[in-house]
PDB file of N, CA and C in Angstrom:
ATOM      1  N   MET A   1     116.190  69.888 -91.068  1.00  0.00           N
ATOM      2  CA  MET A   1     116.013  69.356 -91.442  1.00  0.00           C
ATOM      3  C   MET A   1     114.626  68.417 -90.304  1.00  0.00           C
ATOM      4  N   SER A   2     113.822  68.145 -89.272  1.00  0.00           N
ATOM      5  CA  SER A   2     113.058  67.880 -88.194  1.00  0.00           C
ATOM      6  C   SER A   2     113.235  66.339 -88.085  1.00  0.00           C
ATOM      7  N   LYS A   3     113.092  65.915 -86.970  1.00  0.00           N
ATOM      8  CA  LYS A   3     112.982  63.878 -86.774  1.00  0.00           C
ATOM      9  C   LYS A   3     111.902  63.777 -87.085  1.00  0.00           C
ATOM     10  N   LEU A   4     111.701  62.836 -87.985  1.00  0.00           N
ATOM     11  CA  LEU A   4     109.573  62.633 -87.619  1.00  0.00           C
ATOM     12  C   LEU A   4     109.952  61.217 -86.469  1.00  0.00           C
ATOM     13  N   THR A   5     108.748  60.912 -87.044  1.00  0.00           N
ATOM     14  CA  THR A   5     108.324  59.707 -85.407  1.00  0.00           C
ATOM     15  C   THR A   5     108.183  58.482 -86.548  1.00  0.00           C
ATOM     16  N   LYS A   6     107.522  57.601 -86.252  1.00  0.00           N
ATOM     17  CA  LYS A   6     107.035  56.091 -86.268  1.00  0.00           C
ATOM     18  C   LYS A   6     105.690  57.686 -87.428  1.00  0.00           C
ATOM     19  N   LYS A   7     104.498  57.443 -86.402  1.00  0.00           N
ATOM     20  CA  LYS A   7     104.213  57.888 -86.848  1.00  0.00           C
ATOM     21  C   LYS A   7     103.159  58.642 -87.989  1.00  0.00           C
ATOM     22  N   ASP A   8     104.846  59.868 -88.403  1.00  0.00           N
ATOM     23  CA  ASP A   8     104.470  60.290 -89.454  1.00  0.00           C
ATOM     24  C   ASP A   8     104.544  59.570 -90.032  1.00  0.00           C
ATOM     25  N   LYS A   9     106.445  59.229 -90.298  1.00  0.00           N
ATOM     26  CA  LYS A   9     106.701  57.956 -91.323  1.00  0.00           C
ATOM     27  C   LYS A   9     104.935  58.109 -92.675  1.00  0.00           C
ATOM     28  N   ILE A  10     104.790  57.424 -91.121  1.00  0.00           N
ATOM     29  CA  ILE A  10     102.821  56.582 -92.027  1.00  0.00           C
ATOM     30  C   ILE A  10     102.601  56.552 -92.185  1.00  0.00           C
ATOM     31  N   HIS A  11     101.455  57.860 -91.929  1.00  0.00           N
ATOM     32  CA  HIS A  11     101.188  59.073 -92.244  1.00  0.00           C
ATOM     33  C   HIS A  11     101.627  59.102 -93.759  1.00  0.00           C
ATOM     34  N   ILE A  12     103.612  59.179 -94.021  1.00  0.00           N
ATOM     35  CA  ILE A  12     103.231  60.262 -95.226  1.00  0.00           C
ATOM     36  C   ILE A  12     103.719  58.734 -96.186  1.00  0.00           C
ATOM     37  N   PHE A  13     102.976  58.259 -95.733  1.00  0.00           N
ATOM     38  CA  PHE A  13     103.139  56.258 -96.733  1.00  0.00           C
ATOM     39  C   PHE A  13     101.587  56.746 -97.514  1.00  0.00           C
ATOM     40  N   GLU A  14     101.277  56.493 -96.376  1.00  0.00           N
ATOM     41  CA  GLU A  14      99.266  56.828 -96.413  1.00  0.00           C
ATOM     42  C   GLU A  14      99.123  57.223 -97.720  1.00  0.00           C
ATOM     43  N   GLU A  15      99.895  58.902 -97.089  1.00  0.00           N
ATOM     44  CA  GLU A  15      99.638  59.860 -98.147  1.00  0.00           C
ATOM     45  C   GLU A  15     100.226  59.893 -99.385  1.00  0.00           C
ATOM     46  N   TRP A  16     100.648  59.200 -99.756  1.00  0.00           N
ATOM     47  CA  TRP A  16     101.334  59.060-101.015  1.00  0.00           C
ATOM     48  C   TRP A  16     101.001  57.867-101.518  1.00  0.00           C
ATOM     49  N   THR A  17     100.541  57.370-100.672  1.00  0.00           N
ATOM     50  CA  THR A  17      99.886  55.823-101.771  1.00  0.00           C
ATOM     51  C   THR A  17      98.216  55.979-102.226  1.00  0.00           C
ATOM     52  N   LEU A  18      97.540  56.110-100.484  1.00  0.00           N
ATOM     53  CA  LEU A  18      96.231  56.358-100.553  1.00  0.00           C
ATOM     54  C   LEU A  18      95.663  57.429-101.447  1.00  0.00           C
ATOM     55  N   GLU A  19      96.324  59.142-100.665  1.00  0.00           N
ATOM     56  CA  GLU A  19      95.768  60.109-101.949  1.00  0.00           C
ATOM     57  C   GLU A  19      96.853  60.272-103.399  1.00  0.00           C
ATOM     58  N   ASN A  20      97.027  60.179-103.159  1.00  0.00           N
ATOM     59  CA  ASN A  20      98.142  60.210-104.307  1.00  0.00           C
ATOM     60  C   ASN A  20      98.968  61.354-103.755  1.00  0.00           C
ATOM     61  N   LYS A  21      99.353  61.941-103.310  1.00  0.00           N
ATOM     62  CA  LYS A  21      99.950  63.302-102.752  1.00  0.00           C
ATOM     63  C   LYS A  21     101.784  63.118-103.163  1.00  0.00           C
ATOM     64  N   ARG A  22     102.013  63.943-103.091  1.00  0.00           N
ATOM     65  CA  ARG A  22     104.063  63.808-104.011  1.00  0.00           C
ATOM     66  C   ARG A  22     104.505  64.684-103.052  1.00  0.00           C
ATOM     67  N   GLY A  23     106.033  64.315-103.872  1.00  0.00           N
ATOM     68  CA  GLY A  23     106.612  64.282-102.457  1.00  0.00           C
ATOM     69  C   GLY A  23     107.345  66.232-101.524  1.00  0.00           C
ATOM     70  N   THR A  24     106.920  66.941-103.354  1.00  0.00           N
ATOM     71  CA  THR A  24     106.689  68.872-102.758  1.00  0.00           C
ATOM     72  C   THR A  24     105.492  69.375-101.447  1.00  0.00           C
ATOM     73  N   TYR A  25     104.249  68.287-102.199  1.00  0.00           N
ATOM     74  CA  TYR A  25     103.606  68.704-100.884  1.00  0.00           C
ATOM     75  C   TYR A  25     104.334  68.394 -99.688  1.00  0.00           C
ATOM     76  N   LEU A  26     104.592  67.008 -99.624  1.00  0.00           N
ATOM     77  CA  LEU A  26     104.541  66.193 -97.631  1.00  0.00           C
ATOM     78  C   LEU A  26     105.912  67.214 -97.987  1.00  0.00           C
ATOM     79  N   SER A  27     107.183  67.307 -98.536  1.00  0.00           N
ATOM     80  CA  SER A  27     108.144  67.879 -97.392  1.00  0.00           C
ATOM     81  C   SER A  27     107.857  69.225 -96.905  1.00  0.00           C
ATOM     82  N   LYS A  28     106.899  70.398 -97.488  1.00  0.00           N
ATOM     83  CA  LYS A  28     106.218  71.447 -97.127  1.00  0.00           C
ATOM     84  C   LYS A  28     105.702  71.299 -95.983  1.00  0.00           C
ATOM     85  N   LYS A  29     104.940  69.914 -95.541  1.00  0.00           N
ATOM     86  CA  LYS A  29     104.171  69.922 -95.084  1.00  0.00           C
ATOM     87  C   LYS A  29     104.196  69.293 -93.462  1.00  0.00           C
ATOM     88  N   TYR A  30     105.575  68.313 -93.521  1.00  0.00           N
ATOM     89  CA  TYR A  30     105.699  67.693 -92.904  1.00  0.00           C
ATOM     90  C   TYR A  30     108.077  68.062 -92.292  1.00  0.00           C
ATOM     91  N   GLY A  31     108.018  69.093 -92.572  1.00  0.00           N
ATOM     92  CA  GLY A  31     109.035  69.486 -92.766  1.00  0.00           C
ATOM     93  C   GLY A  31     110.278  69.350 -92.982  1.00  0.00           C
ATOM     94  N   ILE A  32     110.592  68.741 -94.189  1.00  0.00           N
ATOM     95  CA  ILE A  32     111.624  67.821 -94.663  1.00  0.00           C
ATOM     96  C   ILE A  32     112.348  67.671 -96.510  1.00  0.00           C
ATOM     97  N   ARG A  33     113.174  66.998 -96.350  1.00  0.00           N
ATOM     98  CA  ARG A  33     113.758  67.462 -98.357  1.00  0.00           C
ATOM     99  C   ARG A  33     112.628  66.943 -98.731  1.00  0.00           C
ATOM    100  N   ARG A  34     113.050  66.627-100.464  1.00  0.00           N
ATOM    101  CA  ARG A  34     112.218  65.396-100.704  1.00  0.00           C
ATOM    102  C   ARG A  34     112.318  64.478-101.072  1.00  0.00           C
ATOM    103  N   GLU A  35     114.022  64.405-101.311  1.00  0.00           N
ATOM    104  CA  GLU A  35     114.777  64.022-101.324  1.00  0.00           C
ATOM    105  C   GLU A  35     114.868  62.419 -99.364  1.00  0.00           C
ATOM    106  N   LYS A  36     114.748  62.493 -98.834  1.00  0.00           N
ATOM    107  CA  LYS A  36     113.910  61.983 -97.722  1.00  0.00           C
ATOM    108  C   LYS A  36     112.570  61.601 -97.335  1.00  0.00           C
ATOM    109  N   VAL A  37     111.761  62.717 -98.568  1.00  0.00           N
ATOM    110  CA  VAL A  37     110.075  61.513 -98.766  1.00  0.00           C
ATOM    111  C   VAL A  37     110.405  60.426 -99.855  1.00  0.00           C
ATOM    112  N   ASN A  38     110.903  60.581-100.489  1.00  0.00           N
ATOM    113  CA  ASN A  38     111.521  59.335-101.719  1.00  0.00           C
ATOM    114  C   ASN A  38     111.943  58.464-101.055  1.00  0.00           C
ATOM    115  N   TYR A  39     113.026  58.690-100.147  1.00  0.00           N
ATOM    116  CA  TYR A  39     113.834  57.807 -99.710  1.00  0.00           C
ATOM    117  C   TYR A  39     113.200  56.940 -98.401  1.00  0.00           C
ATOM    118  N   LEU A  40     112.444  57.821 -97.721  1.00  0.00           N
ATOM    119  CA  LEU A  40     111.106  57.094 -96.728  1.00  0.00           C
ATOM    120  C   LEU A  40     110.463  56.194 -97.621  1.00  0.00           C
ATOM    121  N   ILE A  41     109.350  56.432 -98.448  1.00  0.00           N
ATOM    122  CA  ILE A  41     108.749  55.919 -99.511  1.00  0.00           C
ATOM    123  C   ILE A  41     109.488  53.907-100.061  1.00  0.00           C
ATOM    124  N   ASN A  42     109.904  54.492-100.354  1.00  0.00           N
ATOM    125  CA  ASN A  42     111.846  53.674-101.573  1.00  0.00           C
ATOM    126  C   ASN A  42     111.415  52.479-100.377  1.00  0.00           C
ATOM    127  N   LEU A  43     111.807  52.916 -99.651  1.00  0.00           N
ATOM    128  CA  LEU A  43     112.571  51.355 -98.384  1.00  0.00           C
ATOM    129  C   LEU A  43     111.331  51.323 -97.813  1.00  0.00           C
ATOM    130  N   ILE A  44     109.881  51.954 -97.697  1.00  0.00           N
ATOM    131  CA  ILE A  44     108.693  50.883 -96.813  1.00  0.00           C
ATOM    132  C   ILE A  44     107.873  50.149 -98.509  1.00  0.00           C
ATOM    133  N   LYS A  45     108.281  50.659 -99.256  1.00  0.00           N
ATOM    134  CA  LYS A  45     108.072  49.819-100.226  1.00  0.00           C
ATOM    135  C   LYS A  45     108.626  48.746-101.341  1.00  0.00           C
TER     136      LYS A  45
END
């Protein structure tokens, strides 16, 4: 699992909300587990 920068986290949230990308796509794109993507989204909301 790679460490995400603040900029990466912001991009993930923007892609999730504005572009309707989902956890599986984002996890493959950023090299992290889907659960971590969901965790980040829940933290930001």
